[in-house]
Amino acid sequence: METKKNPATALGIDENIEALLTYSLTFITGIAFLLLEKKNRVVRFHAIQSIATFLGIFVLVKILSFIPFLGWILIPLAMVGATILWVVLMVKAYQGEKFKLPFVGDIAERESSK
């Protein structure tokens, strides 16, 4: 039985593994893979989506930290949501799905095709 080989990447790692790794340390690994992966559009899509999503969440949490009481209540909720989203994105990327988030997914798709 022949196994299907994943498309080539600049780093020589399977595409689905690289896509998963773009989310592993949120926007930090997204930036790293965006800089390192020049030819694989799927990996670049996931890297850009990782950066846009988790950098946005990071900024939101920082802003909420300056809002007394309400912000302090919303931060744990945002972190739980971010953690669930993080796991879902990693699983979908590993499964080879192009799981496109609203708004940031459109940005990632547009920028990864350049």
Protein backbone atom coordinates (compact mmCIF):
# COMPACT_ATOMS: atom_id res chain seq x y z
CA MET A 1 0.00 0.00 0.00
CA GLU A 2 1.37 3.37 -1.02
CA THR A 3 1.19 6.27 1.40
CA LYS A 4 0.41 9.77 0.24
CA LYS A 5 3.36 12.10 0.70
CA ASN A 6 2.65 15.61 1.90
CA PRO A 7 3.67 18.51 -0.36
CA ALA A 8 7.19 19.80 -0.04
CA THR A 9 8.12 22.56 2.34
CA ALA A 10 11.23 24.72 2.50
CA LEU A 11 12.26 23.14 5.80
CA GLY A 12 11.73 19.55 4.67
CA ILE A 13 9.07 18.87 7.34
CA ASP A 14 5.67 17.44 6.41
CA GLU A 15 3.19 20.17 5.54
CA ASN A 16 0.69 19.19 8.24
CA ILE A 17 3.39 19.16 10.93
CA GLU A 18 4.64 22.61 9.91
CA ALA A 19 1.05 23.90 9.83
CA LEU A 20 0.48 22.60 13.38
CA LEU A 21 3.75 24.12 14.57
CA THR A 22 2.72 27.59 13.33
CA TYR A 23 0.20 27.63 16.18
CA SER A 24 2.31 25.87 18.83
CA LEU A 25 3.66 29.04 20.51
CA THR A 26 0.89 31.28 19.19
CA PHE A 27 2.07 34.29 17.17
CA ILE A 28 5.76 33.66 17.97
CA THR A 29 5.95 30.45 15.92
CA GLY A 30 3.64 32.04 13.37
CA ILE A 31 6.25 34.74 12.79
CA ALA A 32 9.08 32.18 12.70
CA PHE A 33 7.38 30.00 10.08
CA LEU A 34 6.31 33.01 8.02
CA LEU A 35 9.97 34.03 7.81
CA LEU A 36 11.29 30.51 7.21
CA GLU A 37 8.67 29.05 4.86
CA LYS A 38 8.84 30.78 1.51
CA LYS A 39 7.23 28.29 -0.88
CA ASN A 40 4.38 26.41 0.80
CA ARG A 41 1.17 28.45 0.71
CA VAL A 42 -0.69 26.22 3.18
CA VAL A 43 1.96 26.71 5.86
CA ARG A 44 2.14 30.42 5.10
CA PHE A 45 -1.68 30.65 5.45
CA HIS A 46 -1.56 29.02 8.89
CA ALA A 47 1.40 31.20 9.94
CA ILE A 48 -0.39 34.41 8.97
CA GLN A 49 -3.63 33.27 10.59
CA SER A 50 -1.70 32.41 13.77
CA ILE A 51 -0.07 35.84 13.87
CA ALA A 52 -3.28 37.76 13.20
CA THR A 53 -5.37 35.73 15.64
CA PHE A 54 -3.06 35.44 18.62
CA LEU A 55 -1.45 38.85 18.32
CA GLY A 56 -4.98 40.26 18.30
CA ILE A 57 -5.90 38.27 21.41
CA PHE A 58 -2.66 39.38 23.09
CA VAL A 59 -3.47 43.05 22.42
CA LEU A 60 -7.07 42.58 23.57
CA VAL A 61 -5.94 41.06 26.88
CA LYS A 62 -3.45 43.90 27.41
CA ILE A 63 -6.19 46.47 26.82
CA LEU A 64 -8.59 44.62 29.14
CA SER A 65 -5.96 44.60 31.89
CA PHE A 66 -6.29 48.41 32.14
CA ILE A 67 -10.08 48.32 32.63
CA PRO A 68 -10.91 47.90 36.32
CA PHE A 69 -13.29 45.13 37.35
CA LEU A 70 -14.94 44.40 33.98
CA GLY A 71 -11.62 43.90 32.25
CA TRP A 72 -10.38 41.70 35.06
CA ILE A 73 -13.49 39.54 34.73
CA LEU A 74 -13.24 39.31 30.94
CA ILE A 75 -9.53 38.35 30.82
CA PRO A 76 -10.04 34.80 32.18
CA LEU A 77 -12.94 34.28 29.77
CA ALA A 78 -10.82 35.50 26.87
CA MET A 79 -7.99 33.19 27.90
CA VAL A 80 -10.29 30.14 28.07
CA GLY A 81 -11.66 31.00 24.63
CA ALA A 82 -8.15 31.53 23.28
CA THR A 83 -7.00 28.18 24.65
CA ILE A 84 -9.92 26.33 23.05
CA LEU A 85 -9.30 28.15 19.76
CA TRP A 86 -5.58 27.34 19.97
CA VAL A 87 -6.25 23.60 20.36
CA VAL A 88 -8.87 23.56 17.58
CA LEU A 89 -6.54 25.37 15.18
CA MET A 90 -3.66 22.97 15.90
CA VAL A 91 -5.85 19.89 15.42
CA LYS A 92 -7.39 21.20 12.19
CA ALA A 93 -3.96 22.17 10.82
CA TYR A 94 -2.56 18.71 11.64
CA GLN A 95 -5.53 17.07 9.90
CA GLY A 96 -4.74 19.08 6.77
CA GLU A 97 -7.86 21.24 6.98
CA LYS A 98 -7.72 24.85 5.93
CA PHE A 99 -9.83 26.02 8.87
CA LYS A 100 -10.43 29.66 8.03
CA LEU A 101 -11.44 31.98 10.86
CA PRO A 102 -13.74 34.92 10.14
CA PHE A 103 -11.92 38.11 9.14
CA VAL A 104 -8.34 36.96 9.94
CA GLY A 105 -8.77 33.92 7.70
CA ASP A 106 -9.54 36.20 4.76
CA ILE A 107 -6.45 38.25 5.51
CA ALA A 108 -4.33 35.10 5.79
CA GLU A 109 -5.70 33.70 2.53
CA ARG A 110 -5.05 36.94 0.65
CA GLU A 111 -1.53 37.41 2.02
CA SER A 112 -0.45 33.77 1.65
CA SER A 113 -1.27 33.77 -2.06
CA LYS A 114 1.16 36.62 -2.80
